[in-house]
Amino acid sequence: MKIGILSRNANLYSTRRLMEACRERDHEPEVIDVLRCYMNINTLKPSIHSKGEILEGHDAVIPRIGASVTFYGCAVLRQFETMGVYAVNGSDAINRSRDKLRSLQLLSGRQIGMPITGFASKPDDIKDLLDMVGGAPVVIKLLEGTQGIGVVLAETRKAAESVIEAFLGLKANIMVQEFIEEAGGADIRCFVIGDQVIAAMKRQAAEGEFRSNLHRGGSATLVELTEEERLTAVNAAAAMGLHVAGVDLLRSKRGPLVMEVNSSPGLEGIETATGKDVAGMIIDYIEQQVKSGGDHDR
């Protein structure tokens, strides 16, 4: 098969591993920079061009679209879908997961465990909003933030009110979540492929830090999941319509709580922590889906 990897950087660990996994299975990988693509949208023969050439002959594409290029990246991905190319994660599913507020509303609608979350647009509503999520401490998140950027822990009510007022004064979209103290600065990244959790790791925040992101100095170790945690992760990915996803869970007194569902989960941390060939499992899944005529979306 010819498999397109939608990535802006061929040297990234995840991109390199996917290319290696393709070649090991005698497939032809091609790294495609979505920002260098341009499209001919028509009724008879829609096409995608890059650097003066038509991109054609692809059996499948793997979107590794960065958050900053979601709009254009998903437009390119939709064009591949229009041309009948199998996408392991569809454009609609990626857009659902990238909209943090919408994704939480989808999880809520499916009664999947998540932290109590508040959303408001007016400073007048701050006090009631804080009461609604249980008071301080609270976690305040920019809706557009990634990799822990734009996430603030407000330990007192006064601090929370000040931070929220500042964000709203800047016309920033934020959500306010209860702080799950018993998680101890750790979360669990569950790597979902299809309807299975194929790997999982516990990410522990660095000392003095509450964000467990590996980009922020967190450490990763192998973890054993409960059946409830596995089911929660699979259901969360399905709620977004994602076939490959990184689902971040917190362990709480009331069971696993979903923090985020990532449509382009990195491979380095999970492969290092678990020793599993996650890239190879993604390619194996694509093979099965292309042979069976798998759906673009769930």
Protein backbone atom coordinates (compact mmCIF):
# COMPACT_ATOMS: atom_id res chain seq x y z
CA MET A 1 0.00 0.00 0.00
CA LYS A 2 0.95 3.60 -0.45
CA ILE A 3 0.43 5.39 2.88
CA GLY A 4 0.57 9.15 3.27
CA ILE A 5 1.71 10.52 6.63
CA LEU A 6 0.37 14.05 7.06
CA SER A 7 3.21 15.61 9.03
CA ARG A 8 5.10 18.88 8.78
CA ASN A 9 8.39 17.34 9.90
CA ALA A 10 9.78 14.04 8.62
CA ASN A 11 12.37 14.02 11.42
CA LEU A 12 9.90 13.84 14.29
CA TYR A 13 10.08 10.59 16.26
CA SER A 14 6.46 9.63 15.59
CA THR A 15 6.75 10.32 11.86
CA ARG A 16 10.02 8.37 11.58
CA ARG A 17 8.58 5.38 13.45
CA LEU A 18 5.49 5.28 11.23
CA MET A 19 7.70 5.36 8.14
CA GLU A 20 9.84 2.53 9.53
CA ALA A 21 6.75 0.46 10.35
CA CYS A 22 5.42 0.97 6.82
CA ARG A 23 8.68 -0.14 5.21
CA GLU A 24 8.98 -3.18 7.50
CA ARG A 25 5.62 -4.31 6.11
CA ASP A 26 6.60 -3.58 2.49
CA HIS A 27 4.40 -0.49 2.22
CA GLU A 28 5.40 2.79 0.59
CA PRO A 29 5.26 5.72 3.03
CA GLU A 30 5.16 9.35 1.91
CA VAL A 31 5.45 12.28 4.30
CA ILE A 32 3.10 15.06 3.22
CA ASP A 33 3.33 18.61 4.60
CA VAL A 34 -0.31 19.74 4.70
CA LEU A 35 0.65 23.43 4.47
CA ARG A 36 2.41 22.72 1.15
CA CYS A 37 -0.76 21.11 -0.23
CA TYR A 38 -3.33 22.89 -2.35
CA MET A 39 -6.58 21.49 -3.63
CA ASN A 40 -8.65 21.32 -6.79
CA ILE A 41 -12.22 20.98 -5.53
CA ASN A 42 -14.54 19.90 -8.33
CA THR A 43 -17.26 17.38 -9.15
CA LEU A 44 -15.51 15.13 -11.65
CA LYS A 45 -12.00 14.58 -10.28
CA PRO A 46 -11.05 16.31 -7.04
CA SER A 47 -7.30 16.36 -6.48
CA ILE A 48 -4.52 17.44 -4.14
CA HIS A 49 -1.32 19.08 -5.36
CA SER A 50 1.98 19.78 -3.64
CA LYS A 51 5.05 21.54 -5.01
CA GLY A 52 3.70 21.41 -8.56
CA GLU A 53 2.80 17.70 -8.54
CA ILE A 54 -0.47 15.83 -8.10
CA LEU A 55 -0.61 13.59 -5.02
CA GLU A 56 -2.21 10.36 -6.12
CA GLY A 57 -2.27 6.60 -5.63
CA HIS A 58 -2.61 6.65 -1.83
CA ASP A 59 -4.48 3.81 -0.19
CA ALA A 60 -4.51 5.41 3.27
CA VAL A 61 -3.40 8.48 5.16
CA ILE A 62 -2.30 8.93 8.77
CA PRO A 63 -3.04 12.47 9.99
CA ARG A 64 -0.39 13.87 12.32
CA ILE A 65 -1.83 17.37 12.24
CA GLY A 66 -0.54 19.89 14.78
CA ALA A 67 -3.06 21.89 16.78
CA SER A 68 -1.89 25.17 15.21
CA VAL A 69 -2.78 23.97 11.70
CA THR A 70 -6.01 22.12 12.52
CA PHE A 71 -8.22 24.12 10.15
CA TYR A 72 -6.07 23.77 7.04
CA GLY A 73 -4.86 20.29 7.93
CA CYS A 74 -8.42 19.01 8.27
CA ALA A 75 -9.35 20.66 4.96
CA VAL A 76 -6.56 18.68 3.25
CA LEU A 77 -7.62 15.51 5.07
CA ARG A 78 -11.24 16.03 3.97
CA GLN A 79 -10.02 16.28 0.39
CA PHE A 80 -8.30 12.89 0.72
CA GLU A 81 -11.55 11.50 2.15
CA THR A 82 -13.50 12.99 -0.77
CA MET A 83 -11.10 11.17 -3.11
CA GLY A 84 -11.92 7.85 -1.41
CA VAL A 85 -8.64 7.50 0.54
CA TYR A 86 -8.95 5.76 3.92
CA ALA A 87 -8.05 8.03 6.85
CA VAL A 88 -7.22 6.28 10.11
CA ASN A 89 -8.71 9.31 11.91
CA GLY A 90 -11.32 11.29 10.01
CA SER A 91 -11.44 15.08 9.76
CA ASP A 92 -14.72 15.33 11.68
CA ALA A 93 -13.34 13.21 14.52
CA ILE A 94 -10.18 15.33 14.76
CA ASN A 95 -12.22 18.54 14.87
CA ARG A 96 -14.43 17.10 17.61
CA SER A 97 -11.43 16.16 19.78
CA ARG A 98 -9.60 19.46 19.20
CA ASP A 99 -12.56 21.48 20.48
CA LYS A 100 -11.98 20.95 24.22
CA LEU A 101 -15.39 22.19 25.27
CA ARG A 102 -17.26 20.20 22.64
CA SER A 103 -15.29 17.06 23.47
CA LEU A 104 -16.24 17.33 27.15
CA GLN A 105 -19.89 17.87 26.21
CA LEU A 106 -19.73 14.71 24.07
CA LEU A 107 -18.21 12.76 26.97
CA SER A 108 -20.90 14.13 29.28
CA GLY A 109 -23.62 13.07 26.84
CA ARG A 110 -22.29 9.51 26.91
CA GLN A 111 -22.01 9.56 30.72
CA ILE A 112 -18.24 9.03 30.61
CA GLY A 113 -16.44 10.08 33.80
CA MET A 114 -14.80 13.53 33.67
CA PRO A 115 -13.93 16.34 36.09
CA ILE A 116 -16.75 18.81 36.84
CA THR A 117 -16.20 21.61 34.34
CA GLY A 118 -17.55 25.16 34.22
CA PHE A 119 -17.69 27.53 31.26
CA ALA A 120 -18.75 31.19 31.29
CA SER A 121 -18.20 34.40 29.35
CA LYS A 122 -18.96 37.16 31.90
CA PRO A 123 -16.94 38.14 35.01
CA ASP A 124 -20.26 38.59 36.87
CA ASP A 125 -20.72 34.82 36.80
CA ILE A 126 -17.33 33.89 38.34
CA LYS A 127 -18.49 33.35 41.93
CA ASP A 128 -21.38 31.12 40.92
CA LEU A 129 -19.10 29.29 38.46
CA LEU A 130 -16.59 28.49 41.22
CA ASP A 131 -19.38 27.26 43.52
CA MET A 132 -20.62 25.07 40.68
CA VAL A 133 -17.29 23.22 40.29
CA GLY A 134 -16.79 22.85 44.04
CA GLY A 135 -14.64 25.87 44.92
CA ALA A 136 -10.86 26.18 45.13
CA PRO A 137 -8.46 24.73 44.29
CA VAL A 138 -9.46 24.70 40.62
CA VAL A 139 -7.68 24.21 37.31
CA ILE A 140 -8.19 26.96 34.74
CA LYS A 141 -7.51 26.06 31.11
CA LEU A 142 -7.31 28.04 27.90
CA LEU A 143 -9.42 26.22 25.32
CA GLU A 144 -6.68 26.74 22.72
CA GLY A 145 -3.81 25.52 24.93
CA THR A 146 -1.72 22.40 24.19
CA GLN A 147 0.96 20.39 26.00
CA GLY A 148 0.11 22.00 29.33
CA ILE A 149 0.47 25.58 28.05
CA GLY A 150 -2.33 27.84 29.27
CA VAL A 151 -3.17 25.62 32.26
CA VAL A 152 -3.18 27.27 35.70
CA LEU A 153 -3.76 25.78 39.14
CA ALA A 154 -5.48 28.34 41.39
CA GLU A 155 -5.09 27.12 44.97
CA THR A 156 -7.35 29.71 46.63
CA ARG A 157 -10.68 31.18 45.71
CA LYS A 158 -9.23 34.69 45.53
CA ALA A 159 -6.48 33.52 43.16
CA ALA A 160 -9.06 31.72 41.01
CA GLU A 161 -11.22 34.84 40.74
CA SER A 162 -8.20 36.96 39.77
CA VAL A 163 -6.97 34.53 37.10
CA ILE A 164 -10.43 34.06 35.59
CA GLU A 165 -11.04 37.83 35.52
CA ALA A 166 -7.68 38.34 33.80
CA PHE A 167 -8.38 35.70 31.13
CA LEU A 168 -11.92 36.96 30.48
CA GLY A 169 -10.60 40.52 30.32
CA LEU A 170 -8.33 39.40 27.49
CA LYS A 171 -11.36 37.86 25.70
CA ALA A 172 -9.80 34.40 26.11
CA ASN A 173 -12.01 31.31 26.10
CA ILE A 174 -11.39 29.32 29.26
CA MET A 175 -12.90 26.46 31.21
CA VAL A 176 -12.68 25.90 34.95
CA GLN A 177 -12.32 22.35 36.29
CA GLU A 178 -12.31 20.80 39.71
CA PHE A 179 -8.84 19.83 40.94
CA ILE A 180 -8.52 16.08 41.54
CA GLU A 181 -6.15 16.14 44.50
CA GLU A 182 -6.02 12.37 44.99
CA ALA A 183 -4.46 11.95 41.52
CA GLY A 184 -1.23 13.23 43.09
CA GLY A 185 0.00 15.07 39.98
CA ALA A 186 -0.22 11.91 37.87
CA ASP A 187 -2.35 10.89 34.94
CA ILE A 188 -2.58 7.81 32.74
CA ARG A 189 -2.15 7.95 28.97
CA CYS A 190 -4.11 5.12 27.36
CA PHE A 191 -3.23 4.46 23.73
CA VAL A 192 -6.33 3.26 21.90
CA ILE A 193 -6.32 1.58 18.49
CA GLY A 194 -9.71 0.47 17.20
CA ASP A 195 -11.66 -0.81 20.18
CA GLN A 196 -8.69 -1.78 22.35
CA VAL A 197 -6.21 -0.10 24.68
CA ILE A 198 -2.97 -1.50 23.27
CA ALA A 199 -0.59 0.31 25.66
CA ALA A 200 -0.71 2.54 28.73
CA MET A 201 1.70 4.58 30.81
CA LYS A 202 1.52 6.58 34.00
CA ARG A 203 2.85 10.14 33.68
CA GLN A 204 4.03 11.73 36.90
CA ALA A 205 4.51 15.48 37.16
CA ALA A 206 7.95 16.81 38.09
CA GLU A 207 8.42 17.97 41.68
CA GLY A 208 6.65 21.28 42.30
CA GLU A 209 4.59 20.88 39.10
CA PHE A 210 0.99 19.68 38.78
CA ARG A 211 1.01 19.16 35.00
CA SER A 212 2.18 15.68 34.06
CA ASN A 213 3.00 16.41 30.39
CA LEU A 214 6.30 14.83 29.32
CA HIS A 215 7.09 18.11 27.53
CA ARG A 216 7.06 19.77 30.95
CA GLY A 217 9.52 17.38 32.61
CA GLY A 218 7.08 14.66 33.64
CA SER A 219 8.25 11.04 33.80
CA ALA A 220 6.57 7.98 32.28
CA THR A 221 6.33 4.45 33.67
CA LEU A 222 4.45 1.29 32.78
CA VAL A 223 1.05 0.97 34.47
CA GLU A 224 -1.53 -1.79 34.87
CA LEU A 225 -5.06 -0.66 33.98
CA THR A 226 -8.29 -1.73 35.59
CA GLU A 227 -11.10 -3.01 33.39
CA GLU A 228 -13.06 0.17 34.14
CA GLU A 229 -10.13 2.31 32.97
CA ARG A 230 -9.83 0.33 29.74
CA LEU A 231 -13.54 0.64 29.03
CA THR A 232 -13.51 4.37 29.82
CA ALA A 233 -10.61 4.99 27.42
CA VAL A 234 -12.20 3.00 24.57
CA ASN A 235 -15.57 4.71 25.07
CA ALA A 236 -13.93 8.16 25.14
CA ALA A 237 -12.15 7.53 21.82
CA ALA A 238 -15.41 6.22 20.34
CA ALA A 239 -17.28 9.33 21.54
CA MET A 240 -14.92 11.44 19.39
CA GLY A 241 -15.04 8.98 16.48
CA LEU A 242 -11.28 8.36 16.68
CA HIS A 243 -9.71 5.03 15.70
CA VAL A 244 -6.26 5.98 17.02
CA ALA A 245 -6.22 8.12 20.15
CA GLY A 246 -4.37 8.99 23.31
CA VAL A 247 -6.87 9.17 26.17
CA ASP A 248 -5.65 10.88 29.34
CA LEU A 249 -7.27 9.67 32.56
CA LEU A 250 -7.08 10.69 36.19
CA ARG A 251 -7.59 8.17 38.98
CA SER A 252 -10.15 9.62 41.38
CA LYS A 253 -12.28 8.52 44.31
CA ARG A 254 -15.23 8.18 41.94
CA GLY A 255 -13.37 6.20 39.28
CA PRO A 256 -11.44 7.12 36.12
CA LEU A 257 -12.00 10.65 34.81
CA VAL A 258 -11.15 11.65 31.24
CA MET A 259 -9.05 14.81 30.96
CA GLU A 260 -8.47 14.86 27.21
CA VAL A 261 -8.72 12.77 24.06
CA ASN A 262 -5.76 13.38 21.73
CA SER A 263 -6.14 12.65 18.01
CA SER A 264 -2.38 12.77 17.29
CA PRO A 265 -0.79 11.10 20.31
CA GLY A 266 2.99 11.04 20.33
CA LEU A 267 4.70 7.64 20.04
CA GLU A 268 8.03 8.24 21.76
CA GLY A 269 6.83 8.29 25.36
CA ILE A 270 4.48 5.32 25.04
CA GLU A 271 6.93 3.15 23.08
CA THR A 272 9.77 3.95 25.49
CA ALA A 273 7.68 3.28 28.60
CA THR A 274 6.05 0.07 27.36
CA GLY A 275 8.59 -1.33 24.90
CA LYS A 276 5.74 -1.96 22.43
CA ASP A 277 5.81 -1.42 18.68
CA VAL A 278 2.90 1.02 18.71
CA ALA A 279 3.74 2.38 15.24
CA GLY A 280 3.59 -1.17 13.86
CA MET A 281 0.20 -1.74 15.50
CA ILE A 282 -1.16 1.39 13.81
CA ILE A 283 -0.01 0.15 10.40
CA ASP A 284 -1.43 -3.33 11.09
CA TYR A 285 -4.78 -1.73 11.95
CA ILE A 286 -4.74 0.31 8.74
CA GLU A 287 -4.03 -2.85 6.72
CA GLN A 288 -7.09 -4.56 8.23
CA GLN A 289 -9.33 -1.56 7.64
CA VAL A 290 -8.28 -0.99 4.02
CA LYS A 291 -8.79 -4.69 3.23
CA SER A 292 -12.26 -4.66 4.81
CA GLY A 293 -13.25 -1.26 3.40
CA GLY A 294 -13.26 0.43 6.84
CA ASP A 295 -15.22 3.61 7.53
CA HIS A 296 -13.61 7.05 7.69
CA ASP A 297 -15.52 7.78 10.89
CA ARG A 298 -17.06 5.71 13.66
